[in-house]
C-alpha cells in the first residue's frame, strides 16, 4: 500500500474499523511506536491489518514531527518531500 497517497478513510484494520485517519490521529496525539498506536486504538498483534502499522508510522511520524516542530510549512507545494520519504 502506498500510504502517502492513501485516503484518510482507508481501512487499516477492517474487523475493528480502524482507518488511516485513526492511526495518524494517534501519531498527532503522541504515539510513535506500533505498541503505542495499538494500545491507543485497542488493536492486538493478531488483528488483520495490524502488521501495517509500522509501515504507516515510517511514513507519518516524520511528517507529524516536522509539522509540530515548525520544520514543515504545512503543505507540500515546493517541498522536497524528505519528510514522507519521497
N, C-alpha and C. Protein backbone atom coordinates (compact mmCIF):
# COMPACT_ATOMS: atom_id res chain seq x y z
N UNK A 1 0.85 -1.18 0.00
CA UNK A 1 0.00 0.00 0.00
C UNK A 1 0.89 1.24 0.00
N UNK A 2 0.55 2.20 -0.81
CA UNK A 2 1.26 3.48 -0.83
C UNK A 2 0.54 4.41 0.15
N UNK A 3 1.01 4.45 1.38
CA UNK A 3 0.33 5.19 2.44
C UNK A 3 0.38 6.69 2.22
N UNK A 4 1.37 7.17 1.48
CA UNK A 4 1.45 8.61 1.18
C UNK A 4 0.25 9.05 0.37
N UNK A 5 -0.20 8.19 -0.54
CA UNK A 5 -1.29 8.54 -1.44
C UNK A 5 -2.65 8.01 -0.97
N UNK A 6 -2.66 7.24 0.09
CA UNK A 6 -3.91 6.63 0.57
C UNK A 6 -4.85 7.67 1.17
N UNK A 7 -6.12 7.45 0.98
CA UNK A 7 -7.16 8.31 1.57
C UNK A 7 -7.19 8.11 3.08
N UNK A 8 -7.55 9.16 3.80
CA UNK A 8 -7.66 9.07 5.25
C UNK A 8 -8.67 8.01 5.68
N UNK A 9 -9.63 7.72 4.82
CA UNK A 9 -10.66 6.74 5.17
C UNK A 9 -10.26 5.30 4.83
N UNK A 10 -9.04 5.10 4.34
CA UNK A 10 -8.56 3.76 4.02
C UNK A 10 -8.56 2.90 5.28
N UNK A 11 -9.17 1.72 5.18
CA UNK A 11 -9.20 0.81 6.33
C UNK A 11 -7.83 0.17 6.54
N UNK A 12 -7.37 0.25 7.76
CA UNK A 12 -6.13 -0.40 8.15
C UNK A 12 -6.47 -1.75 8.79
N UNK A 13 -7.46 -1.74 9.66
CA UNK A 13 -7.92 -2.95 10.33
C UNK A 13 -9.43 -3.03 10.17
N UNK A 14 -9.86 -3.80 9.18
CA UNK A 14 -11.27 -3.87 8.84
C UNK A 14 -12.14 -4.38 9.98
N UNK A 15 -11.67 -5.41 10.68
CA UNK A 15 -12.50 -6.00 11.73
C UNK A 15 -12.77 -5.04 12.89
N UNK A 16 -11.89 -4.07 13.11
CA UNK A 16 -12.08 -3.08 14.17
C UNK A 16 -12.55 -1.74 13.61
N UNK A 17 -12.57 -1.61 12.29
CA UNK A 17 -12.99 -0.36 11.67
C UNK A 17 -11.96 0.75 11.78
N UNK A 18 -10.71 0.38 12.00
CA UNK A 18 -9.63 1.36 12.17
C UNK A 18 -9.18 1.88 10.81
N UNK A 19 -9.16 3.20 10.68
CA UNK A 19 -8.77 3.83 9.42
C UNK A 19 -7.38 4.47 9.54
N UNK A 20 -6.86 4.84 8.39
CA UNK A 20 -5.59 5.57 8.36
C UNK A 20 -5.72 6.86 9.18
N UNK A 21 -6.86 7.50 9.10
CA UNK A 21 -7.12 8.72 9.89
C UNK A 21 -6.93 8.44 11.38
N UNK A 22 -7.42 7.31 11.86
CA UNK A 22 -7.28 6.95 13.28
C UNK A 22 -5.81 6.81 13.67
N UNK A 23 -5.04 6.16 12.80
CA UNK A 23 -3.62 5.95 13.09
C UNK A 23 -2.89 7.29 13.10
N UNK A 24 -3.15 8.13 12.11
CA UNK A 24 -2.48 9.44 12.05
C UNK A 24 -2.90 10.30 13.25
N UNK A 25 -4.16 10.22 13.66
CA UNK A 25 -4.59 10.96 14.85
C UNK A 25 -3.83 10.47 16.07
N UNK A 26 -3.60 9.17 16.15
CA UNK A 26 -2.81 8.63 17.26
C UNK A 26 -1.40 9.20 17.27
N UNK A 27 -0.82 9.35 16.09
CA UNK A 27 0.51 9.96 15.99
C UNK A 27 0.43 11.42 16.44
N UNK A 28 -0.60 12.12 16.00
CA UNK A 28 -0.79 13.52 16.41
C UNK A 28 -0.93 13.63 17.94
N UNK A 29 -1.49 12.59 18.54
CA UNK A 29 -1.69 12.57 20.00
C UNK A 29 -0.45 12.10 20.75
N UNK A 30 0.65 11.81 20.02
CA UNK A 30 1.91 11.50 20.67
C UNK A 30 2.46 10.10 20.50
N UNK A 31 1.70 9.19 19.91
CA UNK A 31 2.20 7.82 19.73
C UNK A 31 3.25 7.80 18.62
N UNK A 32 4.35 7.08 18.85
CA UNK A 32 5.40 6.99 17.85
C UNK A 32 5.84 5.56 17.59
N UNK A 33 5.31 4.61 18.34
CA UNK A 33 5.69 3.21 18.14
C UNK A 33 4.44 2.39 17.82
N UNK A 34 4.64 1.24 17.17
CA UNK A 34 3.49 0.37 16.91
C UNK A 34 2.75 0.00 18.19
N UNK A 35 3.50 -0.25 19.26
CA UNK A 35 2.88 -0.64 20.52
C UNK A 35 1.98 0.48 21.06
N UNK A 36 2.46 1.71 20.97
CA UNK A 36 1.67 2.84 21.47
C UNK A 36 0.39 3.03 20.65
N UNK A 37 0.52 2.93 19.33
CA UNK A 37 -0.65 3.06 18.46
C UNK A 37 -1.64 1.94 18.73
N UNK A 38 -1.13 0.72 18.83
CA UNK A 38 -2.02 -0.43 19.04
C UNK A 38 -2.74 -0.34 20.37
N UNK A 39 -2.06 0.13 21.40
CA UNK A 39 -2.71 0.31 22.70
C UNK A 39 -3.76 1.42 22.61
N UNK A 40 -3.40 2.51 21.98
CA UNK A 40 -4.31 3.66 21.85
C UNK A 40 -5.58 3.28 21.09
N UNK A 41 -5.43 2.43 20.06
CA UNK A 41 -6.56 2.07 19.20
C UNK A 41 -7.17 0.72 19.57
N UNK A 42 -6.71 0.13 20.67
CA UNK A 42 -7.21 -1.15 21.15
C UNK A 42 -7.08 -2.24 20.09
N UNK A 43 -5.90 -2.29 19.45
CA UNK A 43 -5.61 -3.33 18.47
C UNK A 43 -4.70 -4.36 19.09
N UNK A 44 -4.80 -5.58 18.59
CA UNK A 44 -3.92 -6.67 19.02
C UNK A 44 -3.04 -7.05 17.83
N UNK A 45 -1.89 -7.61 18.11
CA UNK A 45 -0.97 -8.01 17.06
C UNK A 45 -1.56 -9.04 16.11
N UNK A 46 -2.59 -9.75 16.57
CA UNK A 46 -3.22 -10.77 15.74
C UNK A 46 -4.34 -10.21 14.87
N UNK A 47 -4.73 -8.95 15.09
CA UNK A 47 -5.78 -8.34 14.27
C UNK A 47 -5.29 -8.17 12.84
N UNK A 48 -6.14 -8.54 11.89
CA UNK A 48 -5.78 -8.40 10.48
C UNK A 48 -5.54 -6.93 10.17
N UNK A 49 -4.38 -6.63 9.61
CA UNK A 49 -4.02 -5.27 9.26
C UNK A 49 -3.07 -4.63 10.27
N UNK A 50 -2.97 -5.20 11.46
CA UNK A 50 -2.08 -4.63 12.48
C UNK A 50 -0.63 -4.65 12.03
N UNK A 51 -0.30 -5.57 11.14
CA UNK A 51 1.07 -5.66 10.64
C UNK A 51 1.45 -4.47 9.75
N UNK A 52 0.45 -3.66 9.35
CA UNK A 52 0.71 -2.49 8.52
C UNK A 52 1.08 -1.26 9.33
N UNK A 53 0.88 -1.31 10.63
CA UNK A 53 1.11 -0.15 11.49
C UNK A 53 2.56 0.36 11.40
N UNK A 54 3.59 -0.50 11.48
CA UNK A 54 4.96 0.02 11.39
C UNK A 54 5.23 0.78 10.08
N UNK A 55 4.71 0.27 8.99
CA UNK A 55 4.90 0.93 7.69
C UNK A 55 4.23 2.31 7.68
N UNK A 56 3.05 2.40 8.25
CA UNK A 56 2.33 3.68 8.33
C UNK A 56 3.12 4.66 9.20
N UNK A 57 3.63 4.18 10.32
CA UNK A 57 4.41 5.04 11.20
C UNK A 57 5.67 5.54 10.51
N UNK A 58 6.32 4.68 9.72
CA UNK A 58 7.52 5.09 8.99
C UNK A 58 7.24 6.28 8.08
N UNK A 59 6.03 6.34 7.54
CA UNK A 59 5.65 7.43 6.64
C UNK A 59 5.23 8.67 7.43
N UNK A 60 4.37 8.50 8.42
CA UNK A 60 3.70 9.65 9.02
C UNK A 60 4.34 10.23 10.27
N UNK A 61 5.11 9.46 11.03
CA UNK A 61 5.76 10.04 12.22
C UNK A 61 6.70 11.19 11.83
N UNK A 62 7.56 11.02 10.82
CA UNK A 62 8.42 12.15 10.44
C UNK A 62 7.64 13.37 9.96
N UNK A 63 6.55 13.13 9.25
CA UNK A 63 5.73 14.24 8.75
C UNK A 63 5.12 15.00 9.92
N UNK A 64 4.52 14.28 10.85
CA UNK A 64 3.88 14.92 12.01
C UNK A 64 4.92 15.64 12.86
N UNK A 65 6.08 15.01 13.08
CA UNK A 65 7.12 15.65 13.88
C UNK A 65 7.63 16.92 13.22
N UNK A 66 7.81 16.90 11.89
CA UNK A 66 8.24 18.10 11.17
C UNK A 66 7.19 19.19 11.28
N UNK A 67 5.95 18.82 11.16
CA UNK A 67 4.86 19.78 11.26
C UNK A 67 4.80 20.40 12.65
N UNK A 68 4.92 19.55 13.68
CA UNK A 68 4.84 20.04 15.06
C UNK A 68 6.02 20.93 15.43
N UNK A 69 7.19 20.65 14.86
CA UNK A 69 8.39 21.41 15.21
C UNK A 69 8.54 22.68 14.39
N UNK A 70 7.64 22.88 13.44
CA UNK A 70 7.73 24.06 12.60
C UNK A 70 8.64 23.86 11.40
N UNK A 71 9.15 22.64 11.23
CA UNK A 71 10.04 22.34 10.11
C UNK A 71 9.30 22.12 8.81
N UNK A 72 8.00 22.17 8.87
CA UNK A 72 7.18 21.96 7.69
C UNK A 72 6.31 23.19 7.52
N UNK A 73 6.19 23.66 6.30
CA UNK A 73 5.38 24.84 6.05
C UNK A 73 3.89 24.56 6.03
N UNK A 74 3.51 23.31 6.25
CA UNK A 74 2.10 22.96 6.29
C UNK A 74 1.52 22.54 4.96
N UNK A 75 2.36 22.44 3.97
CA UNK A 75 1.89 21.99 2.66
C UNK A 75 3.05 21.41 1.89
N UNK A 76 2.76 20.72 0.83
CA UNK A 76 3.83 20.05 0.09
C UNK A 76 4.22 20.77 -1.19
N UNK A 77 3.57 21.88 -1.53
CA UNK A 77 3.99 22.59 -2.73
C UNK A 77 5.34 23.23 -2.45
N UNK A 78 6.30 22.93 -3.28
CA UNK A 78 7.65 23.44 -3.09
C UNK A 78 8.46 22.65 -2.09
N UNK A 79 7.88 21.61 -1.55
CA UNK A 79 8.54 20.78 -0.55
C UNK A 79 9.47 19.79 -1.25
N UNK A 80 10.58 19.49 -0.62
CA UNK A 80 11.50 18.49 -1.19
C UNK A 80 10.97 17.08 -0.99
N UNK A 81 9.98 16.93 -0.14
CA UNK A 81 9.38 15.61 0.08
C UNK A 81 10.14 14.75 1.06
N UNK A 82 11.18 15.28 1.68
CA UNK A 82 12.01 14.46 2.55
C UNK A 82 11.28 13.97 3.79
N UNK A 83 10.20 14.64 4.20
CA UNK A 83 9.51 14.21 5.41
C UNK A 83 8.64 12.99 5.18
N UNK A 84 8.34 12.66 3.94
CA UNK A 84 7.50 11.49 3.70
C UNK A 84 8.21 10.46 2.84
N UNK A 85 9.51 10.56 2.75
CA UNK A 85 10.29 9.53 2.08
C UNK A 85 10.25 9.57 0.58
N UNK A 86 9.73 10.63 0.00
CA UNK A 86 9.70 10.69 -1.47
C UNK A 86 10.94 11.37 -1.99
